[in-house]
Amino acid sequence: MRVLVTGGAGFIGSHLVERLLADGHEVRALDDLSSGRQARLLESLGVELVLGDAADPEAARRAADGCDAVCHLAAVASVEASIERPLSTLRANLVGTVTVLEAAVAAGAERLVYASSAAVYGRNQDLPLREDAPSMPLSPYAADKLAGEHYLAHYHRSGMLRGHAFRFFNVYGPRQDPKSPYSGVISVFLDRAAAGKQLTVHGDGGQTRDFVYVADVVDVLARAVAGEGDDDGDLPVTNVGRGVSVSVAELAQAVGEAVGTRPAIEFGPARPGDVRHSLADVTLLTRRFGSAPATDLPTGLRETVATLAG
């Protein structure tokens, strides 16, 4: 099968490219390299990289041509950026999604796997968060991701292709750029702890998140590309988390243990609009794919630190 991965030079995308190649697929990537840093890796793997913007119809058409399936990961994955620049992030995140959908249909692709976000739940605190929980987007980013699900549902219902939307919780692992303004808290903590610097915790550290290792995420995505996890009827939407709650204070301690240090921790002001708690219900994930992600936080942190050392 020939698979297009949009955002294929990025953090999650590059891991997915490797997994799809290992599964025997032919892979093409579409990336404008605005945040993706893995172009050399793709080249070393012999993967064709179409350099372009997912929201550009011509680039999307060239990338999708001849592909049987599409994994759409390209996005500006930042709440802050969407608040500061809502029009440009709407173009990247929603217009890009619709453009890729159109290109996939024109290419005759049978399946499209879509990276959505737990941000669609907003401040909903009916934990753990089920896929049928009310959506409460608090940012343009979250609104764009939710709208992308609705567009995909239209193409899915119309029979133009088979879709599956995945709501990612807090993904971490190797290749997550700690210097990026869009990076997750784990990559920032690991980078600072390894350099002997103090860790800054926004708020009291009691806020909790559901951290999921990148290899477990791409395992689910690759299996969805192969047709696993389908439901009859409407568009399947599935959380991708571990279903385990970890406080930011606990995370800071775990990062220190993984690095082999005891970093100083500074508590700063809470960030405006920060969700207090986030936790995935993984019932549907387990039903559709047989199990929830298995990599626990200490193991995932050790794996990530090992790549930093290398």
Protein backbone atom coordinates (compact mmCIF):
# COMPACT_ATOMS: atom_id res chain seq x y z
CA MET A 1 0.00 0.00 0.00
CA ARG A 2 1.22 3.52 -0.76
CA VAL A 3 0.59 5.90 2.15
CA LEU A 4 0.91 9.67 2.32
CA VAL A 5 1.88 11.16 5.69
CA THR A 6 1.29 14.90 5.88
CA GLY A 7 3.60 16.48 8.40
CA GLY A 8 5.89 13.52 7.80
CA ALA A 9 9.05 15.42 8.75
CA GLY A 10 7.63 16.31 12.16
CA PHE A 11 7.79 14.71 15.58
CA ILE A 12 4.95 12.20 15.33
CA GLY A 13 5.00 12.06 11.54
CA SER A 14 8.60 10.88 11.28
CA HIS A 15 7.94 8.06 13.75
CA LEU A 16 4.86 7.07 11.77
CA VAL A 17 6.84 7.04 8.53
CA GLU A 18 9.33 4.60 10.08
CA ARG A 19 6.55 2.37 11.37
CA LEU A 20 4.72 2.28 8.04
CA LEU A 21 7.95 1.38 6.24
CA ALA A 22 8.55 -1.41 8.74
CA ASP A 23 5.04 -2.68 7.99
CA GLY A 24 5.96 -2.96 4.32
CA HIS A 25 4.18 0.11 2.96
CA GLU A 26 5.53 2.55 0.42
CA VAL A 27 5.51 5.98 2.05
CA ARG A 28 5.47 9.55 0.76
CA ALA A 29 5.63 12.64 2.99
CA LEU A 30 4.24 16.13 2.56
CA ASP A 31 5.81 18.84 4.73
CA ASP A 32 6.65 22.53 4.39
CA LEU A 33 9.42 22.15 7.01
CA SER A 34 8.09 25.12 8.97
CA SER A 35 8.35 23.01 12.12
CA GLY A 36 9.37 19.57 10.85
CA ARG A 37 13.05 18.84 11.49
CA GLN A 38 13.40 15.31 10.11
CA ALA A 39 13.96 15.88 6.38
CA ARG A 40 17.38 14.22 6.53
CA LEU A 41 15.90 11.19 8.26
CA LEU A 42 13.30 10.85 5.52
CA GLU A 43 16.04 11.10 2.90
CA SER A 44 18.09 8.42 4.64
CA LEU A 45 15.02 6.17 4.64
CA GLY A 46 14.48 6.68 0.92
CA VAL A 47 11.13 8.39 1.49
CA GLU A 48 9.93 10.84 -1.13
CA LEU A 49 9.37 14.25 0.44
CA VAL A 50 6.99 16.61 -1.33
CA LEU A 51 8.02 20.04 -0.08
CA GLY A 52 4.86 22.09 0.25
CA ASP A 53 1.96 23.36 2.28
CA ALA A 54 -0.96 21.01 3.00
CA ALA A 55 -3.33 23.94 2.39
CA ASP A 56 -1.94 24.42 -1.13
CA PRO A 57 -4.20 22.42 -3.48
CA GLU A 58 -1.43 21.77 -6.00
CA ALA A 59 1.04 20.50 -3.36
CA ALA A 60 -1.65 18.33 -1.77
CA ARG A 61 -2.65 16.93 -5.17
CA ARG A 62 0.95 16.03 -6.06
CA ALA A 63 1.50 14.42 -2.68
CA ALA A 64 -1.70 12.35 -2.73
CA ASP A 65 -1.39 11.19 -6.33
CA GLY A 66 -1.30 7.40 -6.46
CA CYS A 67 -1.76 6.95 -2.70
CA ASP A 68 -4.11 4.37 -1.23
CA ALA A 69 -4.31 5.96 2.22
CA VAL A 70 -3.52 9.28 3.87
CA CYS A 71 -2.44 10.05 7.45
CA HIS A 72 -3.10 13.73 8.01
CA LEU A 73 -0.85 15.04 10.79
CA ALA A 74 0.22 18.41 9.36
CA ALA A 75 -0.85 21.25 11.65
CA VAL A 76 0.29 24.18 13.73
CA ALA A 77 -0.07 22.34 17.04
CA SER A 78 -0.21 25.35 19.31
CA VAL A 79 -3.07 26.85 21.27
CA GLU A 80 -1.05 30.02 21.83
CA ALA A 81 -0.25 30.49 18.15
CA SER A 82 -3.91 30.05 17.24
CA ILE A 83 -4.91 32.77 19.69
CA GLU A 84 -2.23 35.14 18.42
CA ARG A 85 -2.67 34.34 14.70
CA PRO A 86 -6.11 32.78 14.21
CA LEU A 87 -6.29 33.32 10.44
CA SER A 88 -2.92 31.77 9.61
CA THR A 89 -3.47 28.81 11.94
CA LEU A 90 -6.99 28.30 10.55
CA ARG A 91 -5.42 28.04 7.10
CA ALA A 92 -2.89 25.48 8.30
CA ASN A 93 -5.22 23.45 10.48
CA LEU A 94 -8.68 23.57 8.91
CA VAL A 95 -8.18 24.71 5.33
CA GLY A 96 -5.25 22.29 5.19
CA THR A 97 -7.48 19.45 6.36
CA VAL A 98 -10.18 20.12 3.77
CA THR A 99 -7.56 20.55 1.05
CA VAL A 100 -6.00 17.18 1.92
CA LEU A 101 -9.44 15.55 2.01
CA GLU A 102 -10.16 16.85 -1.49
CA ALA A 103 -6.78 15.68 -2.73
CA ALA A 104 -7.27 12.24 -1.19
CA VAL A 105 -10.66 11.82 -2.85
CA ALA A 106 -9.29 13.00 -6.21
CA ALA A 107 -6.45 10.49 -5.91
CA GLY A 108 -8.87 7.65 -5.19
CA ALA A 109 -7.48 7.01 -1.70
CA GLU A 110 -9.63 4.59 0.26
CA ARG A 111 -8.82 5.75 3.78
CA LEU A 112 -7.84 8.87 5.72
CA VAL A 113 -6.56 8.85 9.30
CA TYR A 114 -6.85 12.24 11.00
CA ALA A 115 -4.92 13.63 13.96
CA SER A 116 -7.37 15.51 16.14
CA SER A 117 -6.77 16.63 19.71
CA ALA A 118 -8.02 16.27 23.26
CA ALA A 119 -8.19 20.08 23.17
CA VAL A 120 -11.69 19.68 21.71
CA TYR A 121 -12.90 18.76 25.23
CA GLY A 122 -11.79 22.10 26.67
CA ARG A 123 -12.66 22.55 30.32
CA ASN A 124 -14.94 19.54 30.41
CA GLN A 125 -14.06 17.92 33.75
CA ASP A 126 -16.32 14.88 33.55
CA LEU A 127 -13.30 12.58 33.81
CA PRO A 128 -12.20 10.34 32.29
CA LEU A 129 -13.16 12.03 29.04
CA ARG A 130 -15.28 9.85 26.77
CA GLU A 131 -15.54 10.47 23.04
CA ASP A 132 -19.24 11.33 23.41
CA ALA A 133 -18.54 13.99 26.06
CA PRO A 134 -19.65 17.51 25.10
CA SER A 135 -17.04 19.38 23.07
CA MET A 136 -16.01 22.71 24.60
CA PRO A 137 -13.24 24.20 22.43
CA LEU A 138 -11.49 27.05 24.26
CA SER A 139 -9.16 28.15 21.46
CA PRO A 140 -9.12 28.55 17.69
CA TYR A 141 -6.80 25.53 17.57
CA ALA A 142 -9.35 23.34 19.33
CA ALA A 143 -12.17 24.71 17.18
CA ASP A 144 -10.18 23.97 14.02
CA LYS A 145 -9.48 20.39 15.11
CA LEU A 146 -13.13 19.78 15.94
CA ALA A 147 -14.26 21.28 12.64
CA GLY A 148 -11.78 18.99 10.88
CA GLU A 149 -13.52 16.01 12.49
CA HIS A 150 -16.86 17.25 11.16
CA TYR A 151 -15.48 17.66 7.64
CA LEU A 152 -13.99 14.18 7.76
CA ALA A 153 -17.34 12.83 8.99
CA HIS A 154 -19.01 14.34 5.92
CA TYR A 155 -16.59 12.62 3.52
CA HIS A 156 -16.92 9.39 5.51
CA ARG A 157 -20.74 9.43 5.51
CA SER A 158 -20.83 10.28 1.83
CA GLY A 159 -18.80 7.17 1.02
CA MET A 160 -15.97 9.14 -0.59
CA LEU A 161 -13.44 7.45 1.72
CA ARG A 162 -13.18 5.67 5.07
CA GLY A 163 -12.10 7.96 7.89
CA HIS A 164 -10.95 7.63 11.46
CA ALA A 165 -10.28 10.60 13.79
CA PHE A 166 -7.92 10.23 16.75
CA ARG A 167 -7.94 12.64 19.67
CA PHE A 168 -4.36 12.78 20.90
CA PHE A 169 -3.71 13.52 24.55
CA ASN A 170 -0.18 14.59 25.63
CA VAL A 171 2.20 12.84 23.23
CA TYR A 172 5.91 12.74 24.08
CA GLY A 173 9.07 10.94 23.02
CA PRO A 174 12.25 11.21 20.94
CA ARG A 175 12.51 14.01 18.33
CA GLN A 176 10.17 16.36 20.15
CA ASP A 177 12.01 19.67 19.83
CA PRO A 178 12.40 21.31 23.26
CA LYS A 179 13.37 24.61 21.62
CA SER A 180 10.12 24.85 19.69
CA PRO A 181 7.43 27.18 21.07
CA TYR A 182 5.01 24.32 20.37
CA SER A 183 6.92 21.68 22.34
CA GLY A 184 5.34 19.67 25.14
CA VAL A 185 6.22 19.97 28.79
CA ILE A 186 8.15 16.69 28.85
CA SER A 187 10.63 17.69 26.15
CA VAL A 188 11.22 21.03 27.89
CA PHE A 189 11.67 19.41 31.31
CA LEU A 190 14.06 16.77 29.95
CA ASP A 191 16.14 19.35 28.11
CA ARG A 192 16.47 21.56 31.16
CA ALA A 193 17.08 18.72 33.62
CA ALA A 194 19.81 17.25 31.41
CA ALA A 195 21.50 20.66 31.33
CA GLY A 196 21.31 20.98 35.12
CA LYS A 197 18.79 23.81 34.96
CA GLN A 198 15.77 24.31 37.16
CA LEU A 199 12.31 23.31 36.01
CA THR A 200 9.52 25.86 35.92
CA VAL A 201 6.09 24.57 36.91
CA HIS A 202 3.24 26.88 36.03
CA GLY A 203 0.78 26.99 38.91
CA ASP A 204 0.91 24.69 41.93
CA GLY A 205 1.88 21.54 40.01
CA GLY A 206 -1.37 19.81 40.88
CA GLN A 207 -2.73 20.01 37.33
CA THR A 208 -2.83 16.58 35.72
CA ARG A 209 -2.32 15.25 32.23
CA ASP A 210 -2.50 11.95 30.36
CA PHE A 211 0.95 11.37 28.82
CA VAL A 212 1.22 8.86 25.98
CA TYR A 213 4.46 7.65 24.35
CA VAL A 214 4.88 8.36 20.66
CA ALA A 215 5.60 4.72 19.69
CA ASP A 216 2.24 3.71 21.15
CA VAL A 217 0.50 6.49 19.23
CA VAL A 218 1.97 5.50 15.88
CA ASP A 219 1.15 1.85 16.57
CA VAL A 220 -2.53 2.80 16.68
CA LEU A 221 -2.27 5.01 13.60
CA ALA A 222 -0.46 2.36 11.55
CA ARG A 223 -3.04 -0.25 12.48
CA ALA A 224 -5.83 2.14 11.48
CA VAL A 225 -4.17 2.62 8.09
CA ALA A 226 -4.35 -1.16 7.67
CA GLY A 227 -8.08 -1.11 8.38
CA GLU A 228 -8.19 -2.01 12.07
CA GLY A 229 -10.54 -0.15 14.38
CA ASP A 230 -13.27 0.49 11.84
CA ASP A 231 -16.86 0.77 13.01
CA ASP A 232 -19.91 0.38 10.83
CA GLY A 233 -21.86 3.56 10.44
CA ASP A 234 -20.65 7.01 11.42
CA LEU A 235 -17.08 8.27 11.62
CA PRO A 236 -15.12 6.49 14.36
CA VAL A 237 -13.53 8.95 16.79
CA THR A 238 -11.05 7.50 19.29
CA ASN A 239 -9.06 8.91 22.19
CA VAL A 240 -5.35 8.13 22.18
CA GLY A 241 -4.06 8.28 25.73
CA ARG A 242 -3.00 5.86 28.44
CA GLY A 243 -5.92 6.50 30.72
CA VAL A 244 -3.45 7.34 33.50
CA SER A 245 -3.41 10.65 35.36
CA VAL A 246 -0.03 12.25 36.20
CA SER A 247 0.40 15.60 37.93
CA VAL A 248 2.96 18.07 36.62
CA ALA A 249 4.73 17.92 40.00
CA GLU A 250 4.96 14.12 39.70
CA LEU A 251 6.22 14.53 36.16
CA ALA A 252 9.02 16.86 37.29
CA GLN A 253 10.17 14.24 39.82
CA ALA A 254 10.00 11.44 37.22
CA VAL A 255 12.04 13.51 34.75
CA GLY A 256 14.74 14.03 37.37
CA GLU A 257 14.88 10.29 38.04
CA ALA A 258 15.12 9.51 34.33
CA VAL A 259 17.99 11.95 33.87
CA GLY A 260 19.70 10.94 37.11
CA THR A 261 19.52 14.35 38.77
CA ARG A 262 17.40 16.20 41.29
CA PRO A 263 16.56 19.41 39.44
CA ALA A 264 15.41 22.47 41.34
CA ILE A 265 11.77 23.26 40.75
CA GLU A 266 10.43 26.81 40.52
CA PHE A 267 6.71 27.45 40.73
CA GLY A 268 5.51 30.27 38.50
CA PRO A 269 2.14 31.84 37.79
CA ALA A 270 -0.53 29.60 36.33
CA ARG A 271 -1.06 30.07 32.61
CA PRO A 272 -4.35 31.76 31.72
CA GLY A 273 -6.90 29.32 30.33
CA ASP A 274 -4.90 26.24 31.33
CA VAL A 275 -7.13 23.20 31.80
CA ARG A 276 -6.78 21.84 35.34
CA HIS A 277 -7.21 18.14 34.59
CA SER A 278 -7.19 16.01 31.45
CA LEU A 279 -7.61 12.23 31.31
CA ALA A 280 -8.65 9.92 28.48
CA ASP A 281 -11.28 7.26 28.70
CA VAL A 282 -9.63 4.45 26.71
CA THR A 283 -12.60 2.09 26.56
CA LEU A 284 -13.16 2.61 22.83
CA LEU A 285 -9.43 2.51 22.11
CA THR A 286 -9.19 -0.84 23.87
CA ARG A 287 -12.28 -2.20 22.13
CA ARG A 288 -11.16 -1.12 18.68
CA PHE A 289 -7.46 -2.01 18.93
CA GLY A 290 -7.33 -4.69 21.61
CA SER A 291 -5.49 -2.75 24.31
CA ALA A 292 -4.55 0.70 25.55
CA PRO A 293 -0.99 2.04 25.10
CA ALA A 294 1.32 0.02 27.33
CA THR A 295 4.42 2.20 27.76
CA ASP A 296 4.41 3.64 31.26
CA LEU A 297 5.89 7.05 31.99
CA PRO A 298 9.21 5.93 33.55
CA THR A 299 9.88 3.60 30.59
CA GLY A 300 8.97 6.25 28.03
CA LEU A 301 11.16 8.82 29.75
CA ARG A 302 14.12 6.41 29.83
CA GLU A 303 13.69 5.67 26.13
CA THR A 304 13.59 9.37 25.36
CA VAL A 305 16.64 10.15 27.51
CA ALA A 306 18.55 7.34 25.79
CA THR A 307 18.08 9.04 22.43
CA LEU A 308 19.24 12.36 23.87
CA ALA A 309 22.40 10.70 25.15
CA GLY A 310 22.99 9.14 21.75
